[in-house]
Protein backbone atom coordinates (compact mmCIF):
# COMPACT_ATOMS: atom_id res chain seq x y z
CA MET A 1 14.96 -10.34 8.09
CA PRO A 2 14.04 -9.03 4.63
CA ASP A 3 12.07 -5.82 4.34
CA TYR A 4 10.07 -6.89 1.29
CA ILE A 5 7.54 -9.50 0.28
CA HIS A 6 6.57 -11.24 -2.93
CA VAL A 7 2.90 -11.44 -3.82
CA PHE A 8 1.61 -13.80 -6.49
CA ILE A 9 -1.91 -13.03 -7.68
CA ASP A 10 -4.09 -14.21 -10.51
CA VAL A 11 -5.52 -11.29 -12.46
CA PRO A 12 -7.58 -11.34 -15.64
CA GLN A 13 -5.74 -10.10 -18.72
CA THR A 14 -8.33 -7.36 -19.08
CA ALA A 15 -7.27 -5.75 -15.79
CA ALA A 16 -4.59 -3.08 -15.99
CA SER A 17 -1.57 -3.86 -13.83
CA PHE A 18 -1.54 -0.27 -12.58
CA ASP A 19 -5.07 -0.63 -11.20
CA VAL A 20 -4.19 -3.91 -9.49
CA VAL A 21 -1.11 -2.43 -7.80
CA ARG A 22 -2.99 0.72 -6.78
CA THR A 23 -5.79 -1.33 -5.22
CA PHE A 24 -3.27 -3.49 -3.34
CA GLU A 25 -1.46 -0.39 -2.04
CA ASP A 26 -4.74 1.25 -0.97
CA ILE A 27 -5.90 -1.79 0.97
CA SER A 28 -2.52 -2.36 2.61
CA ALA A 29 -2.28 1.32 3.63
CA ILE A 30 -5.74 1.22 5.20
CA GLU A 31 -4.85 -1.91 7.17
CA LEU A 32 -1.53 -0.42 8.32
CA PHE A 33 -3.23 2.79 9.46
CA LYS A 34 -5.80 0.75 11.38
CA ALA A 35 -3.09 -1.26 13.12
CA PHE A 36 -0.72 1.69 13.69
CA PRO A 37 -2.66 4.98 13.89
CA GLN A 38 0.53 6.91 14.66
CA LEU A 39 1.65 6.29 11.07
CA ILE A 40 -1.03 8.67 9.82
CA GLN A 41 0.64 11.64 11.50
CA PHE A 42 4.09 10.57 10.30
CA TYR A 43 2.83 10.18 6.74
CA ARG A 44 1.19 13.62 6.74
CA MET A 45 4.33 15.31 8.05
CA ARG A 46 6.55 13.57 5.52
CA TYR A 47 4.15 14.21 2.64
CA PHE A 48 4.04 17.96 3.20
CA MET A 49 7.80 18.16 3.68
CA ALA A 50 8.55 16.46 0.37
C-alpha cells in the first residue's frame, strides 16, 4: 500500500502555488486532528523536540 497520494486540482493562474499547497495542508491537518485527536499531542511533542 503506497503512503502517498496524487491530487489533481484546477487553480487559476493568478493563484500562487505556495498558497494552494498551504491551504490544502491546513485543511487536511484539521481533518486529521478531528478524526485522530491523539495526533495533536504527538505533533506538539515532536515539534518542540525538533
